[in-house]
Amino acid sequence: MTGSYSLLVADLIGVAVFAASGASAAVAKRLDLFGVGFVGFVAALGGGILRDLVIGAVPPLAFSDWRYAVTAVAASVAVFYLHPQLNRLRRTVLLLDAAGLGLFTVTGTLKALDAGVPAVGACLIGMLTGIGGGLARDLLTGEIPVVLQRDIYAVVALGGAAAVVLLNRLELAGPVPLAAAAAGVTGVRLLALYRRWSPPVAVP
């Protein structure tokens, strides 16, 4: 499996996961089929569109490669029809969101590095790729974005992006180490939710 193919597979898995997360949140808000599909599409591809615009990859992959849009819509429609079988919908959304955060942070950072973006910029782009879809999903469903609340979310993505940059510098950016980095982001995010970790908040 080539590196580019591995990156494509990881990207499409991230699209499917974030689409399912967005669709689950839309189902919980009782939106119709179009609404569920639209929220899933934006949640899945919003971060990637932002990444591509920042690194100058136009038109963004979400519009130039049909596989991205089809994957997002298919995952959203599947959630719409299968949601009665998804127990504890909120926990499902949080799990999918954490997985999408890990996958998109890794692929976003790699694409920024491939585009020649310096290490610090690549970390920021990787973070934005990871949090962009969840930010759009929360705004569309009328929720305060997770990234703006007391959860450790963007910090986890930034740490994961830094790990990818380090792996790349050490020439260890193979499928297994990158999968481990994505799993690490997902695991830390879920652990932060379980332990209710939060960054400092200003006292009014």
C-alpha atoms as a PDB file:
ATOM      1  CA  MET A   1       0.000   0.000   0.000  1.00  0.00           C
ATOM      2  CA  THR A   2       1.562   3.326  -1.050  1.00  0.00           C
ATOM      3  CA  GLY A   3       1.760   6.328   1.231  1.00  0.00           C
ATOM      4  CA  SER A   4      -0.658   8.363  -0.890  1.00  0.00           C
ATOM      5  CA  TYR A   5      -3.169   5.522  -0.957  1.00  0.00           C
ATOM      6  CA  SER A   6      -2.867   5.083   2.813  1.00  0.00           C
ATOM      7  CA  LEU A   7      -3.495   8.796   3.259  1.00  0.00           C
ATOM      8  CA  LEU A   8      -6.563   8.629   1.001  1.00  0.00           C
ATOM      9  CA  VAL A   9      -7.996   5.675   2.934  1.00  0.00           C
ATOM     10  CA  ALA A  10      -7.395   7.415   6.271  1.00  0.00           C
ATOM     11  CA  ASP A  11      -8.972  10.610   4.917  1.00  0.00           C
ATOM     12  CA  LEU A  12     -12.094   8.793   3.685  1.00  0.00           C
ATOM     13  CA  ILE A  13     -12.439   6.942   6.990  1.00  0.00           C
ATOM     14  CA  GLY A  14     -12.252  10.296   8.745  1.00  0.00           C
ATOM     15  CA  VAL A  15     -14.913  11.679   6.391  1.00  0.00           C
ATOM     16  CA  ALA A  16     -17.234   8.749   7.142  1.00  0.00           C
ATOM     17  CA  VAL A  17     -16.681   9.009  10.891  1.00  0.00           C
ATOM     18  CA  PHE A  18     -17.254  12.770  11.082  1.00  0.00           C
ATOM     19  CA  ALA A  19     -20.267  12.500   8.761  1.00  0.00           C
ATOM     20  CA  ALA A  20     -21.745   9.888  11.096  1.00  0.00           C
ATOM     21  CA  SER A  21     -21.009  12.165  14.048  1.00  0.00           C
ATOM     22  CA  GLY A  22     -22.711  15.130  12.373  1.00  0.00           C
ATOM     23  CA  ALA A  23     -25.643  13.033  11.216  1.00  0.00           C
ATOM     24  CA  SER A  24     -26.103  11.575  14.711  1.00  0.00           C
ATOM     25  CA  ALA A  25     -26.201  15.069  16.184  1.00  0.00           C
ATOM     26  CA  ALA A  26     -28.736  16.124  13.515  1.00  0.00           C
ATOM     27  CA  VAL A  27     -30.909  13.054  14.215  1.00  0.00           C
ATOM     28  CA  ALA A  28     -30.856  13.940  17.902  1.00  0.00           C
ATOM     29  CA  LYS A  29     -32.203  17.393  16.906  1.00  0.00           C
ATOM     30  CA  ARG A  30     -34.955  15.675  14.845  1.00  0.00           C
ATOM     31  CA  LEU A  31     -33.916  17.166  11.498  1.00  0.00           C
ATOM     32  CA  ASP A  32     -35.298  15.712   8.265  1.00  0.00           C
ATOM     33  CA  LEU A  33     -33.310  13.583   5.805  1.00  0.00           C
ATOM     34  CA  PHE A  34     -31.931  16.592   3.932  1.00  0.00           C
ATOM     35  CA  GLY A  35     -30.968  18.302   7.183  1.00  0.00           C
ATOM     36  CA  VAL A  36     -29.218  15.183   8.453  1.00  0.00           C
ATOM     37  CA  GLY A  37     -27.357  14.792   5.158  1.00  0.00           C
ATOM     38  CA  PHE A  38     -26.359  18.462   5.066  1.00  0.00           C
ATOM     39  CA  VAL A  39     -25.080  18.544   8.652  1.00  0.00           C
ATOM     40  CA  GLY A  40     -23.211  15.287   8.070  1.00  0.00           C
ATOM     41  CA  PHE A  41     -21.669  16.664   4.867  1.00  0.00           C
ATOM     42  CA  VAL A  42     -20.521  19.897   6.498  1.00  0.00           C
ATOM     43  CA  ALA A  43     -19.235  18.122   9.610  1.00  0.00           C
ATOM     44  CA  ALA A  44     -17.272  15.678   7.473  1.00  0.00           C
ATOM     45  CA  LEU A  45     -15.802  18.081   4.961  1.00  0.00           C
ATOM     46  CA  GLY A  46     -15.725  21.492   6.639  1.00  0.00           C
ATOM     47  CA  GLY A  47     -12.298  21.009   8.201  1.00  0.00           C
ATOM     48  CA  GLY A  48     -10.843  19.593   4.982  1.00  0.00           C
ATOM     49  CA  ILE A  49     -12.198  22.476   2.912  1.00  0.00           C
ATOM     50  CA  LEU A  50     -10.625  24.960   5.326  1.00  0.00           C
ATOM     51  CA  ARG A  51      -7.313  23.063   5.166  1.00  0.00           C
ATOM     52  CA  ASP A  52      -7.241  22.998   1.372  1.00  0.00           C
ATOM     53  CA  LEU A  53      -8.047  26.689   1.090  1.00  0.00           C
ATOM     54  CA  VAL A  54      -5.250  27.558   3.533  1.00  0.00           C
ATOM     55  CA  ILE A  55      -2.598  25.489   1.724  1.00  0.00           C
ATOM     56  CA  GLY A  56      -3.786  26.662  -1.699  1.00  0.00           C
ATOM     57  CA  ALA A  57      -5.134  23.317  -2.885  1.00  0.00           C
ATOM     58  CA  VAL A  58      -8.060  24.571  -4.964  1.00  0.00           C
ATOM     59  CA  PRO A  59     -10.621  23.433  -5.696  1.00  0.00           C
ATOM     60  CA  PRO A  60     -10.760  21.599  -2.344  1.00  0.00           C
ATOM     61  CA  LEU A  61     -10.871  17.794  -2.458  1.00  0.00           C
ATOM     62  CA  ALA A  62     -14.442  17.904  -1.158  1.00  0.00           C
ATOM     63  CA  PHE A  63     -15.445  19.315  -4.557  1.00  0.00           C
ATOM     64  CA  SER A  64     -12.823  17.883  -6.897  1.00  0.00           C
ATOM     65  CA  ASP A  65     -12.913  14.225  -5.793  1.00  0.00           C
ATOM     66  CA  TRP A  66     -16.377  12.642  -5.854  1.00  0.00           C
ATOM     67  CA  ARG A  67     -15.358   9.989  -3.330  1.00  0.00           C
ATOM     68  CA  TYR A  68     -15.350  12.533  -0.494  1.00  0.00           C
ATOM     69  CA  ALA A  69     -18.866  13.844  -1.069  1.00  0.00           C
ATOM     70  CA  VAL A  70     -20.291  10.367  -1.734  1.00  0.00           C
ATOM     71  CA  THR A  71     -18.690   8.969   1.422  1.00  0.00           C
ATOM     72  CA  ALA A  72     -20.054  11.818   3.543  1.00  0.00           C
ATOM     73  CA  VAL A  73     -23.580  11.558   2.153  1.00  0.00           C
ATOM     74  CA  ALA A  74     -23.666   7.759   2.311  1.00  0.00           C
ATOM     75  CA  ALA A  75     -22.555   7.727   5.955  1.00  0.00           C
ATOM     76  CA  SER A  76     -25.122  10.410   6.843  1.00  0.00           C
ATOM     77  CA  VAL A  77     -27.992   8.581   5.125  1.00  0.00           C
ATOM     78  CA  ALA A  78     -26.962   5.325   6.799  1.00  0.00           C
ATOM     79  CA  VAL A  79     -27.132   6.987  10.214  1.00  0.00           C
ATOM     80  CA  PHE A  80     -30.525   8.505   9.379  1.00  0.00           C
ATOM     81  CA  TYR A  81     -32.048   5.092   8.665  1.00  0.00           C
ATOM     82  CA  LEU A  82     -30.118   3.076  11.240  1.00  0.00           C
ATOM     83  CA  HIS A  83     -30.324   5.451  14.182  1.00  0.00           C
ATOM     84  CA  PRO A  84     -32.985   3.371  16.035  1.00  0.00           C
ATOM     85  CA  GLN A  85     -30.305   0.711  16.367  1.00  0.00           C
ATOM     86  CA  LEU A  86     -27.760   3.186  17.775  1.00  0.00           C
ATOM     87  CA  ASN A  87     -28.093   2.968  21.533  1.00  0.00           C
ATOM     88  CA  ARG A  88     -27.211   5.967  23.689  1.00  0.00           C
ATOM     89  CA  LEU A  89     -27.025   8.388  20.788  1.00  0.00           C
ATOM     90  CA  ARG A  90     -25.079  11.080  22.648  1.00  0.00           C
ATOM     91  CA  ARG A  91     -22.317   8.649  23.570  1.00  0.00           C
ATOM     92  CA  THR A  92     -22.192   7.538  19.948  1.00  0.00           C
ATOM     93  CA  VAL A  93     -21.748  11.142  18.807  1.00  0.00           C
ATOM     94  CA  LEU A  94     -18.927  11.713  21.298  1.00  0.00           C
ATOM     95  CA  LEU A  95     -17.137   8.500  20.307  1.00  0.00           C
ATOM     96  CA  LEU A  96     -17.389   9.236  16.589  1.00  0.00           C
ATOM     97  CA  ASP A  97     -16.325  12.831  17.138  1.00  0.00           C
ATOM     98  CA  ALA A  98     -13.214  11.729  19.037  1.00  0.00           C
ATOM     99  CA  ALA A  99     -12.309   9.252  16.294  1.00  0.00           C
ATOM    100  CA  GLY A 100     -12.831  11.878  13.592  1.00  0.00           C
ATOM    101  CA  LEU A 101     -10.712  14.353  15.538  1.00  0.00           C
ATOM    102  CA  GLY A 102      -7.816  11.908  15.592  1.00  0.00           C
ATOM    103  CA  LEU A 103      -8.022  10.912  11.944  1.00  0.00           C
ATOM    104  CA  PHE A 104      -8.474  14.426  10.547  1.00  0.00           C
ATOM    105  CA  THR A 105      -5.744  15.917  12.715  1.00  0.00           C
ATOM    106  CA  VAL A 106      -3.242  13.382  11.366  1.00  0.00           C
ATOM    107  CA  THR A 107      -4.237  13.675   7.703  1.00  0.00           C
ATOM    108  CA  GLY A 108      -4.505  17.468   7.862  1.00  0.00           C
ATOM    109  CA  THR A 109      -1.027  17.803   9.341  1.00  0.00           C
ATOM    110  CA  LEU A 110       0.446  15.436   6.757  1.00  0.00           C
ATOM    111  CA  LYS A 111      -1.118  17.330   3.865  1.00  0.00           C
ATOM    112  CA  ALA A 112       0.189  20.618   5.222  1.00  0.00           C
ATOM    113  CA  LEU A 113       3.700  19.144   5.478  1.00  0.00           C
ATOM    114  CA  ASP A 114       3.434  17.734   1.953  1.00  0.00           C
ATOM    115  CA  ALA A 115       2.481  21.225   0.746  1.00  0.00           C
ATOM    116  CA  GLY A 116       5.701  22.619   2.212  1.00  0.00           C
ATOM    117  CA  VAL A 117       4.157  24.366   5.221  1.00  0.00           C
ATOM    118  CA  PRO A 118       6.676  24.807   8.084  1.00  0.00           C
ATOM    119  CA  ALA A 119       6.280  22.765  11.269  1.00  0.00           C
ATOM    120  CA  VAL A 120       4.392  25.335  13.356  1.00  0.00           C
ATOM    121  CA  GLY A 121       2.009  26.181  10.524  1.00  0.00           C
ATOM    122  CA  ALA A 122       1.436  22.483   9.815  1.00  0.00           C
ATOM    123  CA  CYS A 123       0.496  21.931  13.462  1.00  0.00           C
ATOM    124  CA  LEU A 124      -2.039  24.771  13.333  1.00  0.00           C
ATOM    125  CA  ILE A 125      -3.502  23.531  10.042  1.00  0.00           C
ATOM    126  CA  GLY A 126      -3.738  19.999  11.434  1.00  0.00           C
ATOM    127  CA  MET A 127      -5.579  21.300  14.481  1.00  0.00           C
ATOM    128  CA  LEU A 128      -7.978  23.354  12.345  1.00  0.00           C
ATOM    129  CA  THR A 129      -8.643  20.343  10.122  1.00  0.00           C
ATOM    130  CA  GLY A 130      -9.505  18.279  13.178  1.00  0.00           C
ATOM    131  CA  ILE A 131     -11.783  20.776  14.895  1.00  0.00           C
ATOM    132  CA  GLY A 132     -13.361  22.448  11.834  1.00  0.00           C
ATOM    133  CA  GLY A 133     -16.018  19.820  11.153  1.00  0.00           C
ATOM    134  CA  GLY A 134     -17.135  19.568  14.782  1.00  0.00           C
ATOM    135  CA  LEU A 135     -17.274  23.352  15.033  1.00  0.00           C
ATOM    136  CA  ALA A 136     -19.537  23.569  11.974  1.00  0.00           C
ATOM    137  CA  ARG A 137     -21.696  20.671  13.212  1.00  0.00           C
ATOM    138  CA  ASP A 138     -22.327  22.315  16.583  1.00  0.00           C
ATOM    139  CA  LEU A 139     -23.168  25.682  15.027  1.00  0.00           C
ATOM    140  CA  LEU A 140     -25.648  24.092  12.605  1.00  0.00           C
ATOM    141  CA  THR A 141     -27.389  22.114  15.359  1.00  0.00           C
ATOM    142  CA  GLY A 142     -27.646  25.098  17.707  1.00  0.00           C
ATOM    143  CA  GLU A 143     -25.041  23.965  20.240  1.00  0.00           C
ATOM    144  CA  ILE A 144     -22.185  25.933  21.764  1.00  0.00           C
ATOM    145  CA  PRO A 145     -19.160  24.556  19.881  1.00  0.00           C
ATOM    146  CA  VAL A 146     -17.255  21.980  21.915  1.00  0.00           C
ATOM    147  CA  VAL A 147     -13.990  23.738  21.093  1.00  0.00           C
ATOM    148  CA  LEU A 148     -15.225  26.879  22.906  1.00  0.00           C
ATOM    149  CA  GLN A 149     -16.397  25.069  26.024  1.00  0.00           C
ATOM    150  CA  ARG A 150     -14.451  23.715  28.970  1.00  0.00           C
ATOM    151  CA  ASP A 151     -13.533  20.462  27.231  1.00  0.00           C
ATOM    152  CA  ILE A 152      -9.983  19.653  26.165  1.00  0.00           C
ATOM    153  CA  TYR A 153     -10.525  19.449  22.412  1.00  0.00           C
ATOM    154  CA  ALA A 154      -8.368  21.795  20.352  1.00  0.00           C
ATOM    155  CA  VAL A 155      -5.421  21.196  22.692  1.00  0.00           C
ATOM    156  CA  VAL A 156      -5.619  17.455  22.030  1.00  0.00           C
ATOM    157  CA  ALA A 157      -5.665  18.078  18.282  1.00  0.00           C
ATOM    158  CA  LEU A 158      -2.683  20.418  18.529  1.00  0.00           C
ATOM    159  CA  GLY A 159      -0.747  17.819  20.500  1.00  0.00           C
ATOM    160  CA  GLY A 160      -1.571  15.157  17.917  1.00  0.00           C
ATOM    161  CA  ALA A 161      -0.453  17.449  15.098  1.00  0.00           C
ATOM    162  CA  ALA A 162       2.843  18.070  16.907  1.00  0.00           C
ATOM    163  CA  ALA A 163       3.340  14.299  17.234  1.00  0.00           C
ATOM    164  CA  VAL A 164       2.821  13.889  13.467  1.00  0.00           C
ATOM    165  CA  VAL A 165       5.368  16.619  12.736  1.00  0.00           C
ATOM    166  CA  LEU A 166       7.856  14.915  15.049  1.00  0.00           C
ATOM    167  CA  LEU A 167       7.277  11.521  13.402  1.00  0.00           C
ATOM    168  CA  ASN A 168       7.790  13.140  10.009  1.00  0.00           C
ATOM    169  CA  ARG A 169      11.048  14.763  11.150  1.00  0.00           C
ATOM    170  CA  LEU A 170      12.276  11.379  12.404  1.00  0.00           C
ATOM    171  CA  GLU A 171      11.220   9.769   9.104  1.00  0.00           C
ATOM    172  CA  LEU A 172       8.834   7.465  10.964  1.00  0.00           C
ATOM    173  CA  ALA A 173       5.628   8.687   9.317  1.00  0.00           C
ATOM    174  CA  GLY A 174       4.495   5.233   8.197  1.00  0.00           C
ATOM    175  CA  PRO A 175       0.950   3.833   8.396  1.00  0.00           C
ATOM    176  CA  VAL A 176       1.410   2.187  11.815  1.00  0.00           C
ATOM    177  CA  PRO A 177       2.961   5.189  13.649  1.00  0.00           C
ATOM    178  CA  LEU A 178       0.407   7.543  12.108  1.00  0.00           C
ATOM    179  CA  ALA A 179      -2.451   5.221  13.072  1.00  0.00           C
ATOM    180  CA  ALA A 180      -1.017   5.188  16.589  1.00  0.00           C
ATOM    181  CA  ALA A 181      -0.954   9.009  16.599  1.00  0.00           C
ATOM    182  CA  ALA A 182      -4.616   9.139  15.510  1.00  0.00           C
ATOM    183  CA  ALA A 183      -5.540   6.561  18.155  1.00  0.00           C
ATOM    184  CA  GLY A 184      -3.627   8.578  20.735  1.00  0.00           C
ATOM    185  CA  VAL A 185      -5.613  11.731  19.946  1.00  0.00           C
ATOM    186  CA  THR A 186      -8.855   9.760  20.114  1.00  0.00           C
ATOM    187  CA  GLY A 187      -7.876   8.073  23.372  1.00  0.00           C
ATOM    188  CA  VAL A 188      -6.806  11.281  25.105  1.00  0.00           C
ATOM    189  CA  ARG A 189     -10.009  13.018  23.990  1.00  0.00           C
ATOM    190  CA  LEU A 190     -12.164  10.181  25.366  1.00  0.00           C
ATOM    191  CA  LEU A 191     -10.139  10.053  28.589  1.00  0.00           C
ATOM    192  CA  ALA A 192     -10.561  13.814  28.999  1.00  0.00           C
ATOM    193  CA  LEU A 193     -14.313  13.388  28.635  1.00  0.00           C
ATOM    194  CA  TYR A 194     -14.379  10.498  31.115  1.00  0.00           C
ATOM    195  CA  ARG A 195     -12.219  12.281  33.695  1.00  0.00           C
ATOM    196  CA  ARG A 196     -13.807  15.663  32.960  1.00  0.00           C
ATOM    197  CA  TRP A 197     -10.503  17.389  32.375  1.00  0.00           C
ATOM    198  CA  SER A 198     -10.789  21.038  31.400  1.00  0.00           C
ATOM    199  CA  PRO A 199      -8.462  23.992  30.812  1.00  0.00           C
ATOM    200  CA  PRO A 200      -8.498  27.011  33.148  1.00  0.00           C
ATOM    201  CA  VAL A 201     -11.518  29.307  32.860  1.00  0.00           C
ATOM    202  CA  ALA A 202     -11.477  33.028  33.658  1.00  0.00           C
ATOM    203  CA  VAL A 203     -13.361  33.983  36.805  1.00  0.00           C
ATOM    204  CA  PRO A 204     -15.838  36.825  36.103  1.00  0.00           C
END
